C-alpha atoms as a PDB file:
ATOM      1  CA  MET A   1     -18.248 -69.308-142.487  1.00  0.00           C
ATOM      2  CA  PHE A   2     -16.637 -71.719-145.262  1.00  0.00           C
ATOM      3  CA  THR A   3     -12.733 -72.430-144.540  1.00  0.00           C
ATOM      4  CA  LEU A   4     -10.591 -73.877-147.861  1.00  0.00           C
ATOM      5  CA  LYS A   5      -7.143 -74.920-146.275  1.00  0.00           C
ATOM      6  CA  PHE A   6      -4.399 -76.433-148.622  1.00  0.00           C
ATOM      7  CA  HIS A   7      -0.695 -77.240-147.355  1.00  0.00           C
ATOM      8  CA  LYS A   8       1.986 -75.666-149.072  1.00  0.00           C
ATOM      9  CA  SER A   9       2.573 -77.481-152.537  1.00  0.00           C
ATOM     10  CA  LYS A  10       5.754 -78.738-155.243  1.00  0.00           C
ATOM     11  CA  SER A  11       2.969 -78.372-157.862  1.00  0.00           C
ATOM     12  CA  LYS A  12       2.912 -75.798-160.684  1.00  0.00           C
ATOM     13  CA  ASN A  13      -0.063 -74.524-159.478  1.00  0.00           C
ATOM     14  CA  TYR A  14       0.723 -73.806-156.427  1.00  0.00           C
ATOM     15  CA  PRO A  15       1.852 -69.830-156.819  1.00  0.00           C
ATOM     16  CA  LEU A  16      -0.958 -69.510-158.392  1.00  0.00           C
ATOM     17  CA  VAL A  17      -3.175 -70.401-155.492  1.00  0.00           C
ATOM     18  CA  GLU A  18      -1.146 -68.760-153.175  1.00  0.00           C
ATOM     19  CA  LYS A  19      -2.116 -65.505-155.507  1.00  0.00           C
ATOM     20  CA  LEU A  20      -5.758 -65.532-155.683  1.00  0.00           C
ATOM     21  CA  ALA A  21      -5.647 -66.713-151.585  1.00  0.00           C
ATOM     22  CA  ASN A  22      -4.219 -63.341-150.495  1.00  0.00           C
ATOM     23  CA  LYS A  23      -6.507 -61.889-152.390  1.00  0.00           C
ATOM     24  CA  PHE A  24      -9.064 -62.906-149.362  1.00  0.00           C
ATOM     25  CA  SER A  25      -9.676 -61.546-146.115  1.00  0.00           C
ATOM     26  CA  GLU A  26      -8.834 -63.756-143.787  1.00  0.00           C
ATOM     27  CA  HIS A  27      -6.274 -65.584-145.726  1.00  0.00           C
ATOM     28  CA  THR A  28      -3.798 -67.350-142.674  1.00  0.00           C
ATOM     29  CA  PHE A  29      -0.658 -68.961-143.785  1.00  0.00           C
ATOM     30  CA  GLU A  30       1.456 -70.792-140.389  1.00  0.00           C
ATOM     31  CA  ASN A  31       2.761 -73.687-140.205  1.00  0.00           C
ATOM     32  CA  ASP A  32       3.157 -74.463-144.356  1.00  0.00           C
ATOM     33  CA  LEU A  33      -0.694 -74.381-144.011  1.00  0.00           C
ATOM     34  CA  HIS A  34      -3.245 -71.956-145.938  1.00  0.00           C
ATOM     35  CA  THR A  35      -6.327 -71.389-143.430  1.00  0.00           C
ATOM     36  CA  ILE A  36      -8.848 -69.707-145.782  1.00  0.00           C
ATOM     37  CA  HIS A  37     -12.022 -68.027-144.060  1.00  0.00           C
ATOM     38  CA  ILE A  38     -14.256 -66.492-146.411  1.00  0.00           C
ATOM     39  CA  SER A  39     -18.608 -65.338-145.864  1.00  0.00           C
ATOM     40  CA  ILE A  40     -21.061 -66.102-148.099  1.00  0.00           C
ATOM     41  CA  LYS A  41     -20.981 -62.694-149.363  1.00  0.00           C
ATOM     42  CA  GLU A  42     -17.407 -62.077-149.774  1.00  0.00           C
ATOM     43  CA  LEU A  43     -17.195 -65.510-152.004  1.00  0.00           C
ATOM     44  CA  PHE A  44     -20.455 -64.458-153.985  1.00  0.00           C
ATOM     45  CA  GLU A  45     -18.357 -61.403-154.358  1.00  0.00           C
ATOM     46  CA  LYS A  46     -15.080 -63.325-155.488  1.00  0.00           C
ATOM     47  CA  TRP A  47     -16.400 -65.967-157.279  1.00  0.00           C
ATOM     48  CA  ASP A  48     -13.813 -65.924-159.671  1.00  0.00           C
ATOM     49  CA  TYR A  49     -11.152 -66.093-157.576  1.00  0.00           C
ATOM     50  CA  PHE A  50     -13.011 -68.479-155.424  1.00  0.00           C
ATOM     51  CA  ASN A  51     -13.569 -71.115-158.547  1.00  0.00           C
ATOM     52  CA  LEU A  52     -10.173 -70.757-159.811  1.00  0.00           C
ATOM     53  CA  MET A  53      -7.956 -71.270-156.463  1.00  0.00           C
ATOM     54  CA  PHE A  54     -10.197 -74.286-155.526  1.00  0.00           C
ATOM     55  CA  TRP A  55     -10.259 -75.947-159.089  1.00  0.00           C
ATOM     56  CA  LYS A  56      -6.579 -75.598-158.985  1.00  0.00           C
ATOM     57  CA  SER A  57      -6.515 -77.338-155.136  1.00  0.00           C
ATOM     58  CA  ALA A  58      -9.380 -79.946-154.762  1.00  0.00           C
ATOM     59  CA  ASP A  59      -6.766 -83.210-155.635  1.00  0.00           C
ATOM     60  CA  TRP A  60      -3.916 -81.461-153.440  1.00  0.00           C
ATOM     61  CA  VAL A  61      -2.740 -84.341-150.056  1.00  0.00           C
ATOM     62  CA  ASP A  62      -4.712 -82.975-147.367  1.00  0.00           C
ATOM     63  CA  SER A  63      -6.313 -80.037-148.884  1.00  0.00           C
ATOM     64  CA  THR A  64     -10.037 -79.827-147.345  1.00  0.00           C
ATOM     65  CA  PHE A  65     -13.183 -77.341-147.574  1.00  0.00           C
ATOM     66  CA  GLY A  66     -15.489 -77.399-145.126  1.00  0.00           C
ATOM     67  CA  TYR A  67     -18.581 -75.672-143.467  1.00  0.00           C
ATOM     68  CA  ASP A  68     -18.019 -74.259-139.800  1.00  0.00           C
ATOM     69  CA  GLY A  69     -15.228 -76.159-138.853  1.00  0.00           C
ATOM     70  CA  PHE A  70     -16.370 -79.779-140.688  1.00  0.00           C
ATOM     71  CA  ASP A  71     -13.628 -80.346-142.688  1.00  0.00           C
ATOM     72  CA  LEU A  72     -14.523 -82.511-145.804  1.00  0.00           C
ATOM     73  CA  HIS A  73     -11.143 -83.846-147.542  1.00  0.00           C
ATOM     74  CA  GLY A  74     -12.633 -86.469-150.299  1.00  0.00           C
ATOM     75  CA  HIS A  75     -12.969 -85.000-154.027  1.00  0.00           C
ATOM     76  CA  GLU A  76     -16.954 -85.895-154.390  1.00  0.00           C
ATOM     77  CA  ASP A  77     -17.709 -84.563-150.807  1.00  0.00           C
ATOM     78  CA  LYS A  78     -15.689 -80.728-151.705  1.00  0.00           C
ATOM     79  CA  THR A  79     -17.130 -80.489-155.159  1.00  0.00           C
ATOM     80  CA  ARG A  80     -21.022 -81.112-153.812  1.00  0.00           C
ATOM     81  CA  ILE A  81     -20.206 -78.174-151.631  1.00  0.00           C
ATOM     82  CA  PHE A  82     -18.817 -76.361-153.818  1.00  0.00           C
ATOM     83  CA  TYR A  83     -21.945 -77.340-157.013  1.00  0.00           C
ATOM     84  CA  ALA A  84     -23.991 -75.905-154.123  1.00  0.00           C
ATOM     85  CA  LEU A  85     -22.660 -72.770-154.028  1.00  0.00           C
ATOM     86  CA  GLN A  86     -22.431 -72.337-157.253  1.00  0.00           C
ATOM     87  CA  GLN A  87     -25.682 -72.846-157.330  1.00  0.00           C
ATOM     88  CA  ALA A  88     -26.689 -70.598-155.247  1.00  0.00           C
ATOM     89  CA  HIS A  89     -24.366 -67.437-155.958  1.00  0.00           C
ATOM     90  CA  VAL A  90     -26.314 -68.436-160.027  1.00  0.00           C
ATOM     91  CA  LYS A  91     -28.893 -67.831-158.295  1.00  0.00           C
ATOM     92  CA  TRP A  92     -27.981 -64.257-156.247  1.00  0.00           C
ATOM     93  CA  LEU A  93     -27.384 -63.226-159.493  1.00  0.00           C
ATOM     94  CA  CYS A  94     -29.791 -63.493-161.655  1.00  0.00           C
ATOM     95  CA  LEU A  95     -32.231 -62.095-158.840  1.00  0.00           C
ATOM     96  CA  SER A  96     -29.744 -59.049-158.867  1.00  0.00           C
ATOM     97  CA  GLU A  97     -30.129 -58.762-162.109  1.00  0.00           C
ATOM     98  CA  GLY A  98     -34.188 -59.296-161.852  1.00  0.00           C
ATOM     99  CA  TYR A  99     -33.539 -56.767-159.128  1.00  0.00           C
ATOM    100  CA  LEU A 100     -32.176 -53.825-161.665  1.00  0.00           C
ATOM    101  CA  SER A 101     -33.699 -54.573-164.106  1.00  0.00           C
ATOM    102  CA  ARG A 102     -36.917 -53.446-162.195  1.00  0.00           C
ATOM    103  CA  ILE A 103     -35.876 -50.122-160.948  1.00  0.00           C
ATOM    104  CA  ALA A 104     -34.334 -49.534-165.011  1.00  0.00           C
ATOM    105  CA  PRO A 105     -36.319 -47.625-166.149  1.00  0.00           C
ATOM    106  CA  ALA A 106     -37.323 -44.947-163.189  1.00  0.00           C
ATOM    107  CA  TYR A 107     -33.474 -44.447-162.500  1.00  0.00           C
ATOM    108  CA  PHE A 108     -32.976 -43.533-167.078  1.00  0.00           C
ATOM    109  CA  ASP A 109     -36.837 -41.213-166.477  1.00  0.00           C
ATOM    110  CA  GLU A 110     -35.877 -37.990-165.093  1.00  0.00           C
ATOM    111  CA  THR A 111     -39.082 -37.128-163.752  1.00  0.00           C
ATOM    112  CA  LEU A 112     -39.351 -39.900-161.746  1.00  0.00           C
ATOM    113  CA  ILE A 113     -37.521 -39.287-158.988  1.00  0.00           C
ATOM    114  CA  ASP A 114     -40.134 -39.240-155.818  1.00  0.00           C
ATOM    115  CA  ARG A 115     -39.968 -43.635-157.421  1.00  0.00           C
ATOM    116  CA  ILE A 116     -36.981 -43.351-157.311  1.00  0.00           C
ATOM    117  CA  LYS A 117     -36.148 -42.447-153.739  1.00  0.00           C
ATOM    118  CA  ASP A 118     -38.625 -45.001-152.540  1.00  0.00           C
ATOM    119  CA  GLU A 119     -37.953 -47.703-155.243  1.00  0.00           C
ATOM    120  CA  VAL A 120     -33.969 -47.206-154.476  1.00  0.00           C
ATOM    121  CA  PHE A 121     -32.844 -46.128-151.056  1.00  0.00           C
ATOM    122  CA  ASN A 122     -34.177 -48.130-148.098  1.00  0.00           C
ATOM    123  CA  PRO A 123     -30.984 -50.298-146.740  1.00  0.00           C
ATOM    124  CA  GLU A 124     -31.604 -53.560-147.968  1.00  0.00           C
ATOM    125  CA  ASP A 125     -31.533 -52.971-151.288  1.00  0.00           C
ATOM    126  CA  THR A 126     -29.129 -50.381-151.328  1.00  0.00           C
ATOM    127  CA  ASP A 127     -26.732 -53.321-149.663  1.00  0.00           C
ATOM    128  CA  ARG A 128     -27.067 -55.181-153.451  1.00  0.00           C
ATOM    129  CA  ILE A 129     -26.951 -52.821-154.939  1.00  0.00           C
ATOM    130  CA  LEU A 130     -23.931 -52.010-153.986  1.00  0.00           C
ATOM    131  CA  ASP A 131     -22.757 -56.168-153.957  1.00  0.00           C
ATOM    132  CA  PHE A 132     -23.626 -56.800-157.261  1.00  0.00           C
ATOM    133  CA  ILE A 133     -21.281 -53.684-158.191  1.00  0.00           C
ATOM    134  CA  LEU A 134     -18.350 -55.303-156.063  1.00  0.00           C
ATOM    135  CA  VAL A 135     -18.898 -58.219-158.086  1.00  0.00           C
ATOM    136  CA  GLU A 136     -19.094 -56.660-161.094  1.00  0.00           C
ATOM    137  CA  SER A 137     -15.633 -54.905-160.162  1.00  0.00           C
ATOM    138  CA  ASN A 138     -13.953 -57.569-158.490  1.00  0.00           C
ATOM    139  CA  ARG A 139     -14.798 -59.745-162.248  1.00  0.00           C
ATOM    140  CA  ILE A 140     -13.548 -57.142-164.583  1.00  0.00           C
ATOM    141  CA  GLU A 141     -10.593 -57.173-162.394  1.00  0.00           C
ATOM    142  CA  TYR A 142     -10.368 -60.565-162.736  1.00  0.00           C
ATOM    143  CA  GLU A 143     -11.155 -61.196-166.363  1.00  0.00           C
ATOM    144  CA  LYS A 144      -7.911 -58.482-166.587  1.00  0.00           C
ATOM    145  CA  GLU A 145      -5.635 -60.165-164.995  1.00  0.00           C
ATOM    146  CA  TYR A 146      -5.905 -63.935-165.271  1.00  0.00           C
ATOM    147  CA  GLY A 147      -8.360 -64.160-168.015  1.00  0.00           C
ATOM    148  CA  HIS A 148     -11.922 -65.562-169.346  1.00  0.00           C
ATOM    149  CA  LEU A 149     -12.220 -68.854-166.906  1.00  0.00           C
ATOM    150  CA  ASN A 150     -12.462 -71.366-169.231  1.00  0.00           C
ATOM    151  CA  PHE A 151     -11.832 -74.210-167.121  1.00  0.00           C
ATOM    152  CA  ARG A 152     -13.511 -77.697-167.287  1.00  0.00           C
ATOM    153  CA  ALA A 153     -13.244 -79.270-163.844  1.00  0.00           C
ATOM    154  CA  PRO A 154     -10.968 -82.534-163.625  1.00  0.00           C
ATOM    155  CA  LEU A 155     -13.114 -86.309-163.340  1.00  0.00           C
ATOM    156  CA  ARG A 156     -11.221 -88.221-160.741  1.00  0.00           C
ATOM    157  CA  ASN A 157     -10.268 -92.437-162.016  1.00  0.00           C
ATOM    158  CA  SER A 158     -13.565 -93.184-159.936  1.00  0.00           C
ATOM    159  CA  ASP A 159     -15.252 -90.574-162.014  1.00  0.00           C
ATOM    160  CA  PHE A 160     -17.043 -93.072-165.342  1.00  0.00           C
ATOM    161  CA  GLU A 161     -19.918 -91.582-164.789  1.00  0.00           C
ATOM    162  CA  GLY A 162     -18.126 -88.627-165.819  1.00  0.00           C
ATOM    163  CA  ARG A 163     -15.639 -90.072-168.074  1.00  0.00           C
ATOM    164  CA  ARG A 164     -18.691 -91.972-169.948  1.00  0.00           C
ATOM    165  CA  LEU A 165     -20.452 -88.745-170.842  1.00  0.00           C
ATOM    166  CA  MET A 166     -17.018 -87.535-171.790  1.00  0.00           C
ATOM    167  CA  ARG A 167     -16.387 -90.187-174.274  1.00  0.00           C
ATOM    168  CA  GLN A 168     -19.860 -89.817-175.548  1.00  0.00           C
ATOM    169  CA  ASN A 169     -19.572 -85.999-176.322  1.00  0.00           C
ATOM    170  CA  LYS A 170     -16.286 -87.187-178.262  1.00  0.00           C
ATOM    171  CA  ILE A 171     -18.074 -89.504-180.217  1.00  0.00           C
ATOM    172  CA  ASP A 172     -21.272 -87.411-181.333  1.00  0.00           C
ATOM    173  CA  GLU A 173     -18.932 -84.723-182.284  1.00  0.00           C
END
């Protein structure tokens, strides 16, 4: 179970982050502290909300992100976990897309109803399809409400390599 915690803030982004936090099922607000417990399944289903909420609150004072009760405070530590989750999310999407592309020919060929039943209607695969549909519906809802996410992670003053690469990209352009 992943946990994101942040205090009530005077940041201009606070209302947006609070609104995004309410999208998650296990969000609590006590003593000016927001605590969001997120399962891996819910995190993948609501990835766009989590992504925006994480980057808007990652550098707030006393904000933490962690796993199984181990909270990380440093920007670099939090982003390492985030990027690992992002990579897992992309792999999950690719696996779901690959699975759906394999069953699509059976789905559209009406003469293969028995193959469809054998291929599609086992509990594990049905759960995967439903998860993929939920993710897509949440993504569409997110884009309607917040627009397309075209967001670059902020760089810290200590991220010299990132700053050097950005300067190099500007020179190359």
